[in-house]
Amino acid sequence: VLAANRDFLAGGGGARQVVLHDYRDVAFLKKVSAAGLASTLMSSSGLAYTISFGLPAHYVAFLAFQTLGSAAALYAYLRTYVARAVLDPKRSQLLVTGCSFFGAPHATDERVNLSQLRPGVDVSDHFIKFRLEGSPWDPACWIWFRMPRVPEGKPVVSRPDAHVGHRIQPTTSIPTPTAAAWEGEQATT
């Protein structure tokens, strides 16, 4: 159970962000990525052989569906594996950093409004899972976000690359001067 003082979180202009989770099981993600990529490549090889041997269209369609399905399932699983979760109370958002192939964190955070979170979580020995509310036609609502956890009684073994670490969140965009603007400024002085 996570409890926090709301006045503390919203104080100081509300600019504070709270890191809720910053860990990923890199060894597990490497295994999942390797298995997902292998199944996608094997399916695509089967598809290529099916086309080159001139087999019936339903074989080609099945292997094309299998290839695209395994690639999409791998992408969706890794995208919803939470490597880092940060609460931003000022904007009422949860900044979620998913993973890419072989456990590498995504370069950008997914911003989820707190009003989009479905009430209730599923807590198991390996994950804390939560979902988004939305239309049944929205694929983002189909798959649970998963935050890994260490089972009770097991020692915490943390690899140096298991943490994403601090990320700088840009607050404003600073325009970069162009060469023409620079030359124009030089000419006026």
C-alpha atoms as a PDB file:
ATOM      1  CA  VAL A   1       0.000   0.000   0.000  1.00  0.00           C
ATOM      2  CA  LEU A   2       1.365   3.360  -0.999  1.00  0.00           C
ATOM      3  CA  ALA A   3       0.351   6.365   1.049  1.00  0.00           C
ATOM      4  CA  ALA A   4       1.445   9.932   0.539  1.00  0.00           C
ATOM      5  CA  ASN A   5       0.645  13.306   2.007  1.00  0.00           C
ATOM      6  CA  ARG A   6      -1.367  15.164  -0.666  1.00  0.00           C
ATOM      7  CA  ASP A   7      -0.320  18.565   0.653  1.00  0.00           C
ATOM      8  CA  PHE A   8       3.346  17.571   0.323  1.00  0.00           C
ATOM      9  CA  LEU A   9       2.865  16.288  -3.229  1.00  0.00           C
ATOM     10  CA  ALA A  10       0.954  19.351  -4.378  1.00  0.00           C
ATOM     11  CA  GLY A  11       3.101  21.815  -2.436  1.00  0.00           C
ATOM     12  CA  GLY A  12       5.866  23.954  -3.859  1.00  0.00           C
ATOM     13  CA  GLY A  13       3.926  24.877  -6.971  1.00  0.00           C
ATOM     14  CA  GLY A  14       3.016  21.257  -7.609  1.00  0.00           C
ATOM     15  CA  ALA A  15       6.238  20.709  -9.524  1.00  0.00           C
ATOM     16  CA  ARG A  16       7.225  17.618  -7.556  1.00  0.00           C
ATOM     17  CA  GLN A  17       7.083  14.244  -9.194  1.00  0.00           C
ATOM     18  CA  VAL A  18       7.070  11.022  -7.216  1.00  0.00           C
ATOM     19  CA  VAL A  19       8.856   7.944  -8.535  1.00  0.00           C
ATOM     20  CA  LEU A  20       6.564   5.019  -7.780  1.00  0.00           C
ATOM     21  CA  HIS A  21       8.509   2.297  -9.558  1.00  0.00           C
ATOM     22  CA  ASP A  22      11.947   2.067 -11.169  1.00  0.00           C
ATOM     23  CA  TYR A  23      12.930  -1.525 -11.843  1.00  0.00           C
ATOM     24  CA  ARG A  24      12.794  -4.059 -14.657  1.00  0.00           C
ATOM     25  CA  ASP A  25      13.799  -7.716 -14.803  1.00  0.00           C
ATOM     26  CA  VAL A  26      16.319  -7.474 -17.644  1.00  0.00           C
ATOM     27  CA  ALA A  27      17.073 -11.209 -17.808  1.00  0.00           C
ATOM     28  CA  PHE A  28      13.363 -12.032 -18.162  1.00  0.00           C
ATOM     29  CA  LEU A  29      12.873  -9.339 -20.818  1.00  0.00           C
ATOM     30  CA  LYS A  30      15.810 -10.685 -22.810  1.00  0.00           C
ATOM     31  CA  LYS A  31      14.224 -14.148 -22.804  1.00  0.00           C
ATOM     32  CA  VAL A  32      10.817 -12.789 -23.820  1.00  0.00           C
ATOM     33  CA  SER A  33      12.352 -10.675 -26.600  1.00  0.00           C
ATOM     34  CA  ALA A  34      14.418 -13.568 -27.923  1.00  0.00           C
ATOM     35  CA  ALA A  35      11.415 -15.919 -27.945  1.00  0.00           C
ATOM     36  CA  GLY A  36       9.161 -13.308 -29.564  1.00  0.00           C
ATOM     37  CA  LEU A  37      11.673 -12.411 -32.254  1.00  0.00           C
ATOM     38  CA  ALA A  38      12.404 -16.093 -32.944  1.00  0.00           C
ATOM     39  CA  SER A  39       8.703 -16.897 -33.358  1.00  0.00           C
ATOM     40  CA  THR A  40       8.234 -13.901 -35.645  1.00  0.00           C
ATOM     41  CA  LEU A  41      11.241 -14.839 -37.777  1.00  0.00           C
ATOM     42  CA  MET A  42      10.228 -18.504 -37.965  1.00  0.00           C
ATOM     43  CA  SER A  43       6.706 -17.530 -39.019  1.00  0.00           C
ATOM     44  CA  SER A  44       8.040 -15.163 -41.655  1.00  0.00           C
ATOM     45  CA  SER A  45      10.362 -17.892 -42.974  1.00  0.00           C
ATOM     46  CA  GLY A  46       7.421 -20.257 -43.192  1.00  0.00           C
ATOM     47  CA  LEU A  47       5.482 -17.561 -45.024  1.00  0.00           C
ATOM     48  CA  ALA A  48       8.310 -17.082 -47.526  1.00  0.00           C
ATOM     49  CA  TYR A  49       8.551 -20.836 -48.173  1.00  0.00           C
ATOM     50  CA  THR A  50       4.773 -21.113 -48.536  1.00  0.00           C
ATOM     51  CA  ILE A  51       4.741 -18.379 -51.166  1.00  0.00           C
ATOM     52  CA  SER A  52       7.781 -19.736 -53.021  1.00  0.00           C
ATOM     53  CA  PHE A  53       6.380 -23.296 -53.150  1.00  0.00           C
ATOM     54  CA  GLY A  54       3.033 -22.028 -54.426  1.00  0.00           C
ATOM     55  CA  LEU A  55       0.926 -23.526 -51.622  1.00  0.00           C
ATOM     56  CA  PRO A  56      -2.785 -22.629 -51.367  1.00  0.00           C
ATOM     57  CA  ALA A  57      -3.838 -19.138 -50.288  1.00  0.00           C
ATOM     58  CA  HIS A  58      -5.252 -20.233 -46.931  1.00  0.00           C
ATOM     59  CA  TYR A  59      -1.779 -21.430 -45.868  1.00  0.00           C
ATOM     60  CA  VAL A  60      -0.294 -18.093 -46.894  1.00  0.00           C
ATOM     61  CA  ALA A  61      -3.021 -16.187 -45.043  1.00  0.00           C
ATOM     62  CA  PHE A  62      -2.554 -18.277 -41.882  1.00  0.00           C
ATOM     63  CA  LEU A  63       1.214 -17.747 -41.797  1.00  0.00           C
ATOM     64  CA  ALA A  64       0.864 -14.028 -42.578  1.00  0.00           C
ATOM     65  CA  PHE A  65      -1.593 -13.701 -39.687  1.00  0.00           C
ATOM     66  CA  GLN A  66       0.723 -15.690 -37.408  1.00  0.00           C
ATOM     67  CA  THR A  67       3.730 -13.533 -38.339  1.00  0.00           C
ATOM     68  CA  LEU A  68       1.919 -10.241 -37.768  1.00  0.00           C
ATOM     69  CA  GLY A  69       0.240 -11.555 -34.630  1.00  0.00           C
ATOM     70  CA  SER A  70       3.456 -12.679 -32.964  1.00  0.00           C
ATOM     71  CA  ALA A  71       5.170  -9.364 -33.776  1.00  0.00           C
ATOM     72  CA  ALA A  72       2.192  -7.349 -32.481  1.00  0.00           C
ATOM     73  CA  ALA A  73       1.940  -9.455 -29.313  1.00  0.00           C
ATOM     74  CA  LEU A  74       5.644  -8.969 -28.564  1.00  0.00           C
ATOM     75  CA  TYR A  75       5.383  -5.208 -29.110  1.00  0.00           C
ATOM     76  CA  ALA A  76       2.266  -4.921 -26.916  1.00  0.00           C
ATOM     77  CA  TYR A  77       3.788  -7.013 -24.134  1.00  0.00           C
ATOM     78  CA  LEU A  78       7.006  -5.005 -24.034  1.00  0.00           C
ATOM     79  CA  ARG A  79       5.204  -1.649 -24.311  1.00  0.00           C
ATOM     80  CA  THR A  80       3.044  -2.415 -21.272  1.00  0.00           C
ATOM     81  CA  TYR A  81       5.908  -3.809 -19.148  1.00  0.00           C
ATOM     82  CA  VAL A  82       6.487  -0.903 -16.758  1.00  0.00           C
ATOM     83  CA  ALA A  83      10.170  -0.132 -16.264  1.00  0.00           C
ATOM     84  CA  ARG A  84       9.495   3.190 -14.546  1.00  0.00           C
ATOM     85  CA  ALA A  85       6.342   4.845 -13.206  1.00  0.00           C
ATOM     86  CA  VAL A  86       6.308   8.458 -12.032  1.00  0.00           C
ATOM     87  CA  LEU A  87       3.325  10.257 -10.517  1.00  0.00           C
ATOM     88  CA  ASP A  88       2.940  13.858 -11.690  1.00  0.00           C
ATOM     89  CA  PRO A  89       0.267  15.340  -9.360  1.00  0.00           C
ATOM     90  CA  LYS A  90       0.396  18.809 -10.941  1.00  0.00           C
ATOM     91  CA  ARG A  91      -0.798  17.475 -14.297  1.00  0.00           C
ATOM     92  CA  SER A  92      -2.760  14.526 -12.816  1.00  0.00           C
ATOM     93  CA  GLN A  93      -0.728  12.101 -14.894  1.00  0.00           C
ATOM     94  CA  LEU A  94       1.178   8.882 -14.506  1.00  0.00           C
ATOM     95  CA  LEU A  95       4.340   8.852 -16.623  1.00  0.00           C
ATOM     96  CA  VAL A  96       4.958   5.256 -17.677  1.00  0.00           C
ATOM     97  CA  THR A  97       8.206   4.129 -19.300  1.00  0.00           C
ATOM     98  CA  GLY A  98       7.733   0.885 -21.197  1.00  0.00           C
ATOM     99  CA  CYS A  99      10.399  -1.409 -22.546  1.00  0.00           C
ATOM    100  CA  SER A 100      11.740  -2.127 -25.980  1.00  0.00           C
ATOM    101  CA  PHE A 101      13.540  -5.177 -27.317  1.00  0.00           C
ATOM    102  CA  PHE A 102      15.802  -6.981 -24.834  1.00  0.00           C
ATOM    103  CA  GLY A 103      14.689  -4.810 -21.919  1.00  0.00           C
ATOM    104  CA  ALA A 104      15.902  -1.423 -23.121  1.00  0.00           C
ATOM    105  CA  PRO A 105      13.646   1.363 -21.783  1.00  0.00           C
ATOM    106  CA  HIS A 106      11.753   3.508 -24.270  1.00  0.00           C
ATOM    107  CA  ALA A 107      13.256   6.919 -24.880  1.00  0.00           C
ATOM    108  CA  THR A 108       9.978   8.686 -24.072  1.00  0.00           C
ATOM    109  CA  ASP A 109       7.364   8.258 -21.389  1.00  0.00           C
ATOM    110  CA  GLU A 110       3.736   7.447 -22.053  1.00  0.00           C
ATOM    111  CA  ARG A 111       1.547  10.008 -20.296  1.00  0.00           C
ATOM    112  CA  VAL A 112      -1.548   8.418 -18.785  1.00  0.00           C
ATOM    113  CA  ASN A 113      -4.165  10.664 -17.191  1.00  0.00           C
ATOM    114  CA  LEU A 114      -5.094   9.457 -13.719  1.00  0.00           C
ATOM    115  CA  SER A 115      -8.763   9.559 -14.738  1.00  0.00           C
ATOM    116  CA  GLN A 116      -7.998   6.872 -17.359  1.00  0.00           C
ATOM    117  CA  LEU A 117      -6.847   4.314 -14.766  1.00  0.00           C
ATOM    118  CA  ARG A 118      -9.401   1.604 -14.038  1.00  0.00           C
ATOM    119  CA  PRO A 119     -10.014   1.250 -10.288  1.00  0.00           C
ATOM    120  CA  GLY A 120      -8.457  -1.815  -8.708  1.00  0.00           C
ATOM    121  CA  VAL A 121      -5.256  -3.717  -9.351  1.00  0.00           C
ATOM    122  CA  ASP A 122      -4.279  -7.370  -9.642  1.00  0.00           C
ATOM    123  CA  VAL A 123      -1.397  -8.239  -7.320  1.00  0.00           C
ATOM    124  CA  SER A 124       0.432 -11.525  -7.894  1.00  0.00           C
ATOM    125  CA  ASP A 125       3.808 -12.899  -6.858  1.00  0.00           C
ATOM    126  CA  HIS A 126       5.493 -11.521  -9.965  1.00  0.00           C
ATOM    127  CA  PHE A 127       3.531  -8.423 -11.047  1.00  0.00           C
ATOM    128  CA  ILE A 128       1.273  -5.595  -9.987  1.00  0.00           C
ATOM    129  CA  LYS A 129      -1.148  -5.161 -12.891  1.00  0.00           C
ATOM    130  CA  PHE A 130      -3.404  -2.226 -13.744  1.00  0.00           C
ATOM    131  CA  ARG A 131      -5.568  -1.343 -16.738  1.00  0.00           C
ATOM    132  CA  LEU A 132      -6.902   1.688 -18.526  1.00  0.00           C
ATOM    133  CA  GLU A 133     -10.561   2.527 -18.896  1.00  0.00           C
ATOM    134  CA  GLY A 134     -11.957   3.112 -22.337  1.00  0.00           C
ATOM    135  CA  SER A 135     -13.889   1.787 -25.245  1.00  0.00           C
ATOM    136  CA  PRO A 136     -13.790  -1.944 -25.989  1.00  0.00           C
ATOM    137  CA  TRP A 137     -12.614  -0.961 -29.485  1.00  0.00           C
ATOM    138  CA  ASP A 138      -9.500   0.747 -28.092  1.00  0.00           C
ATOM    139  CA  PRO A 139      -6.566  -1.736 -28.127  1.00  0.00           C
ATOM    140  CA  ALA A 140      -4.767   0.252 -25.395  1.00  0.00           C
ATOM    141  CA  CYS A 141      -7.434  -0.922 -22.927  1.00  0.00           C
ATOM    142  CA  TRP A 142      -7.095  -4.627 -23.728  1.00  0.00           C
ATOM    143  CA  ILE A 143      -3.677  -5.332 -22.204  1.00  0.00           C
ATOM    144  CA  TRP A 144      -2.760  -4.883 -18.557  1.00  0.00           C
ATOM    145  CA  PHE A 145       0.245  -2.749 -17.610  1.00  0.00           C
ATOM    146  CA  ARG A 146       2.604  -4.861 -15.487  1.00  0.00           C
ATOM    147  CA  MET A 147       5.052  -3.657 -12.840  1.00  0.00           C
ATOM    148  CA  PRO A 148       7.478  -6.413 -11.796  1.00  0.00           C
ATOM    149  CA  ARG A 149       7.909  -7.202  -8.133  1.00  0.00           C
ATOM    150  CA  VAL A 150      10.104  -9.487  -6.078  1.00  0.00           C
ATOM    151  CA  PRO A 151       8.211 -12.351  -4.409  1.00  0.00           C
ATOM    152  CA  GLU A 152       8.160 -12.353  -0.615  1.00  0.00           C
ATOM    153  CA  GLY A 153      11.024 -14.207   1.001  1.00  0.00           C
ATOM    154  CA  LYS A 154      13.359 -13.899  -1.980  1.00  0.00           C
ATOM    155  CA  PRO A 155      16.440 -11.697  -1.724  1.00  0.00           C
ATOM    156  CA  VAL A 156      16.470  -8.569  -3.852  1.00  0.00           C
ATOM    157  CA  VAL A 157      19.185  -8.973  -6.448  1.00  0.00           C
ATOM    158  CA  SER A 158      19.488  -5.783  -8.445  1.00  0.00           C
ATOM    159  CA  ARG A 159      21.568  -5.533 -11.571  1.00  0.00           C
ATOM    160  CA  PRO A 160      23.200  -2.179 -12.342  1.00  0.00           C
ATOM    161  CA  ASP A 161      21.204  -1.922 -15.583  1.00  0.00           C
ATOM    162  CA  ALA A 162      17.844  -2.785 -13.965  1.00  0.00           C
ATOM    163  CA  HIS A 163      16.985   0.838 -13.135  1.00  0.00           C
ATOM    164  CA  VAL A 164      15.997   3.482 -15.655  1.00  0.00           C
ATOM    165  CA  GLY A 165      17.091   6.339 -13.416  1.00  0.00           C
ATOM    166  CA  HIS A 166      16.268  10.033 -13.479  1.00  0.00           C
ATOM    167  CA  ARG A 167      14.891  11.510 -16.665  1.00  0.00           C
ATOM    168  CA  ILE A 168      14.742  15.192 -17.391  1.00  0.00           C
ATOM    169  CA  GLN A 169      11.217  16.209 -18.330  1.00  0.00           C
ATOM    170  CA  PRO A 170      11.182  19.209 -20.681  1.00  0.00           C
ATOM    171  CA  THR A 171       8.924  21.951 -19.339  1.00  0.00           C
ATOM    172  CA  THR A 172       9.232  24.497 -22.120  1.00  0.00           C
ATOM    173  CA  SER A 173      10.545  24.398 -25.615  1.00  0.00           C
ATOM    174  CA  ILE A 174      13.437  26.757 -26.283  1.00  0.00           C
ATOM    175  CA  PRO A 175      13.680  27.750 -29.928  1.00  0.00           C
ATOM    176  CA  THR A 176      17.105  27.217 -31.397  1.00  0.00           C
ATOM    177  CA  PRO A 177      18.375  30.143 -33.440  1.00  0.00           C
ATOM    178  CA  THR A 178      18.871  29.550 -37.119  1.00  0.00           C
ATOM    179  CA  ALA A 179      21.829  30.772 -39.123  1.00  0.00           C
ATOM    180  CA  ALA A 180      19.658  33.386 -40.878  1.00  0.00           C
ATOM    181  CA  ALA A 181      18.437  34.775 -37.542  1.00  0.00           C
ATOM    182  CA  TRP A 182      21.992  34.864 -36.249  1.00  0.00           C
ATOM    183  CA  GLU A 183      23.238  36.730 -39.328  1.00  0.00           C
ATOM    184  CA  GLY A 184      20.323  39.173 -39.088  1.00  0.00           C
ATOM    185  CA  GLU A 185      21.189  39.893 -35.467  1.00  0.00           C
ATOM    186  CA  GLN A 186      24.859  40.437 -36.349  1.00  0.00           C
ATOM    187  CA  ALA A 187      23.944  42.868 -39.120  1.00  0.00           C
ATOM    188  CA  THR A 188      21.895  45.104 -36.779  1.00  0.00           C
ATOM    189  CA  THR A 189      24.693  45.496 -34.239  1.00  0.00           C
END
